[in-house]
Amino acid sequence: MKIRDIHGDLYLKNIFIVKDRKYYLYDRIEFNDSLRYADVAEDVAHLSMDLEYHRRKDLQTIFVEDYVSGSKDYSLKKY
């Protein structure tokens, strides 16, 4: 478990992608700290579910695999 100051509302509609693999996340939860401090897995799960909802299982797999590889948080792959 990695409790951090997370985005709290990470969905495709809250990501702006620009050139050269740069991106911006916006519309994070600002109104309630208790909703924003949580396990990083919450943001990973929200974006993963949104990718699946939009029928982008290919991107969902890449996103989760890249996150797990970079973070070494292998517990996410249990689910």
C-alpha atoms as a PDB file:
ATOM      1  CA  MET A   1       0.000   0.000   0.000  1.00  0.00           C
ATOM      2  CA  LYS A   2       1.362   3.413  -1.008  1.00  0.00           C
ATOM      3  CA  ILE A   3      -0.588   6.250   0.567  1.00  0.00           C
ATOM      4  CA  ARG A   4       0.122   9.471  -1.307  1.00  0.00           C
ATOM      5  CA  ASP A   5      -1.436  12.752  -2.339  1.00  0.00           C
ATOM      6  CA  ILE A   6      -3.122  11.306  -5.439  1.00  0.00           C
ATOM      7  CA  HIS A   7      -5.220  12.777  -8.227  1.00  0.00           C
ATOM      8  CA  GLY A   8      -8.397  11.220  -6.857  1.00  0.00           C
ATOM      9  CA  ASP A   9     -10.426  11.427 -10.076  1.00  0.00           C
ATOM     10  CA  LEU A  10      -8.156   9.931 -12.734  1.00  0.00           C
ATOM     11  CA  TYR A  11     -10.156   9.133 -15.848  1.00  0.00           C
ATOM     12  CA  LEU A  12      -9.436   9.612 -19.543  1.00  0.00           C
ATOM     13  CA  LYS A  13     -11.412  12.852 -19.580  1.00  0.00           C
ATOM     14  CA  ASN A  14      -8.915  14.314 -17.082  1.00  0.00           C
ATOM     15  CA  ILE A  15      -5.790  13.683 -19.154  1.00  0.00           C
ATOM     16  CA  PHE A  16      -4.525  16.061 -21.817  1.00  0.00           C
ATOM     17  CA  ILE A  17      -1.867  14.555 -24.100  1.00  0.00           C
ATOM     18  CA  VAL A  18       0.495  16.731 -26.130  1.00  0.00           C
ATOM     19  CA  LYS A  19       3.500  16.072 -28.352  1.00  0.00           C
ATOM     20  CA  ASP A  20       6.558  14.078 -27.361  1.00  0.00           C
ATOM     21  CA  ARG A  21       4.730  11.848 -24.853  1.00  0.00           C
ATOM     22  CA  LYS A  22       4.003  14.763 -22.549  1.00  0.00           C
ATOM     23  CA  TYR A  23       0.716  14.875 -20.730  1.00  0.00           C
ATOM     24  CA  TYR A  24      -1.143  16.948 -18.184  1.00  0.00           C
ATOM     25  CA  LEU A  25      -3.541  15.715 -15.533  1.00  0.00           C
ATOM     26  CA  TYR A  26      -6.259  18.108 -14.492  1.00  0.00           C
ATOM     27  CA  ASP A  27      -9.469  18.308 -12.448  1.00  0.00           C
ATOM     28  CA  ARG A  28      -7.976  16.594  -9.421  1.00  0.00           C
ATOM     29  CA  ILE A  29      -9.870  16.526  -6.157  1.00  0.00           C
ATOM     30  CA  GLU A  30      -9.056  19.747  -4.321  1.00  0.00           C
ATOM     31  CA  PHE A  31     -12.118  20.207  -2.131  1.00  0.00           C
ATOM     32  CA  ASN A  32     -11.498  17.406   0.378  1.00  0.00           C
ATOM     33  CA  ASP A  33      -8.059  16.195   1.463  1.00  0.00           C
ATOM     34  CA  SER A  34      -9.493  13.013   2.957  1.00  0.00           C
ATOM     35  CA  LEU A  35     -10.594  11.941  -0.543  1.00  0.00           C
ATOM     36  CA  ARG A  36      -7.260  12.810  -2.105  1.00  0.00           C
ATOM     37  CA  TYR A  37      -4.860  11.064   0.284  1.00  0.00           C
ATOM     38  CA  ALA A  38      -5.189   7.399  -0.593  1.00  0.00           C
ATOM     39  CA  ASP A  39      -3.410   4.391  -2.024  1.00  0.00           C
ATOM     40  CA  VAL A  40      -1.912   5.107  -5.443  1.00  0.00           C
ATOM     41  CA  ALA A  41      -3.674   1.936  -6.589  1.00  0.00           C
ATOM     42  CA  GLU A  42      -6.931   3.906  -6.473  1.00  0.00           C
ATOM     43  CA  ASP A  43      -5.828   6.158  -9.343  1.00  0.00           C
ATOM     44  CA  VAL A  44      -4.392   3.185 -11.238  1.00  0.00           C
ATOM     45  CA  ALA A  45      -7.666   1.281 -10.814  1.00  0.00           C
ATOM     46  CA  HIS A  46      -9.854   4.206 -11.915  1.00  0.00           C
ATOM     47  CA  LEU A  47      -7.884   4.790 -15.103  1.00  0.00           C
ATOM     48  CA  SER A  48      -7.652   1.062 -15.787  1.00  0.00           C
ATOM     49  CA  MET A  49     -11.423   0.632 -15.462  1.00  0.00           C
ATOM     50  CA  ASP A  50     -12.025   3.647 -17.700  1.00  0.00           C
ATOM     51  CA  LEU A  51      -9.777   2.187 -20.401  1.00  0.00           C
ATOM     52  CA  GLU A  52     -11.708  -1.081 -20.184  1.00  0.00           C
ATOM     53  CA  TYR A  53     -15.032   0.798 -20.350  1.00  0.00           C
ATOM     54  CA  HIS A  54     -13.846   2.458 -23.568  1.00  0.00           C
ATOM     55  CA  ARG A  55     -12.920  -0.974 -24.938  1.00  0.00           C
ATOM     56  CA  ARG A  56      -9.186  -0.286 -24.880  1.00  0.00           C
ATOM     57  CA  LYS A  57      -8.016  -3.452 -23.170  1.00  0.00           C
ATOM     58  CA  ASP A  58      -4.763  -3.080 -25.127  1.00  0.00           C
ATOM     59  CA  LEU A  59      -4.002   0.276 -23.491  1.00  0.00           C
ATOM     60  CA  GLN A  60      -5.261  -0.954 -20.133  1.00  0.00           C
ATOM     61  CA  THR A  61      -2.755  -3.804 -20.198  1.00  0.00           C
ATOM     62  CA  ILE A  62       0.119  -1.522 -21.233  1.00  0.00           C
ATOM     63  CA  PHE A  63      -0.770   1.052 -18.572  1.00  0.00           C
ATOM     64  CA  VAL A  64      -0.970  -1.452 -15.708  1.00  0.00           C
ATOM     65  CA  GLU A  65       2.152  -3.349 -16.830  1.00  0.00           C
ATOM     66  CA  ASP A  66       4.145  -0.106 -17.133  1.00  0.00           C
ATOM     67  CA  TYR A  67       2.944   1.118 -13.745  1.00  0.00           C
ATOM     68  CA  VAL A  68       3.805  -2.177 -12.040  1.00  0.00           C
ATOM     69  CA  SER A  69       7.197  -2.300 -13.755  1.00  0.00           C
ATOM     70  CA  GLY A  70       8.078   1.255 -12.761  1.00  0.00           C
ATOM     71  CA  SER A  71       6.701   1.149  -9.227  1.00  0.00           C
ATOM     72  CA  LYS A  72       7.592  -2.470  -8.379  1.00  0.00           C
ATOM     73  CA  ASP A  73       4.114  -2.684  -6.822  1.00  0.00           C
ATOM     74  CA  TYR A  74       3.402  -6.255  -7.878  1.00  0.00           C
ATOM     75  CA  SER A  75       0.409  -6.515  -5.552  1.00  0.00           C
ATOM     76  CA  LEU A  76      -1.711  -4.773  -8.208  1.00  0.00           C
ATOM     77  CA  LYS A  77      -1.405  -7.741 -10.525  1.00  0.00           C
ATOM     78  CA  LYS A  78      -3.260  -9.965  -8.054  1.00  0.00           C
ATOM     79  CA  TYR A  79      -6.514  -8.392  -9.139  1.00  0.00           C
END
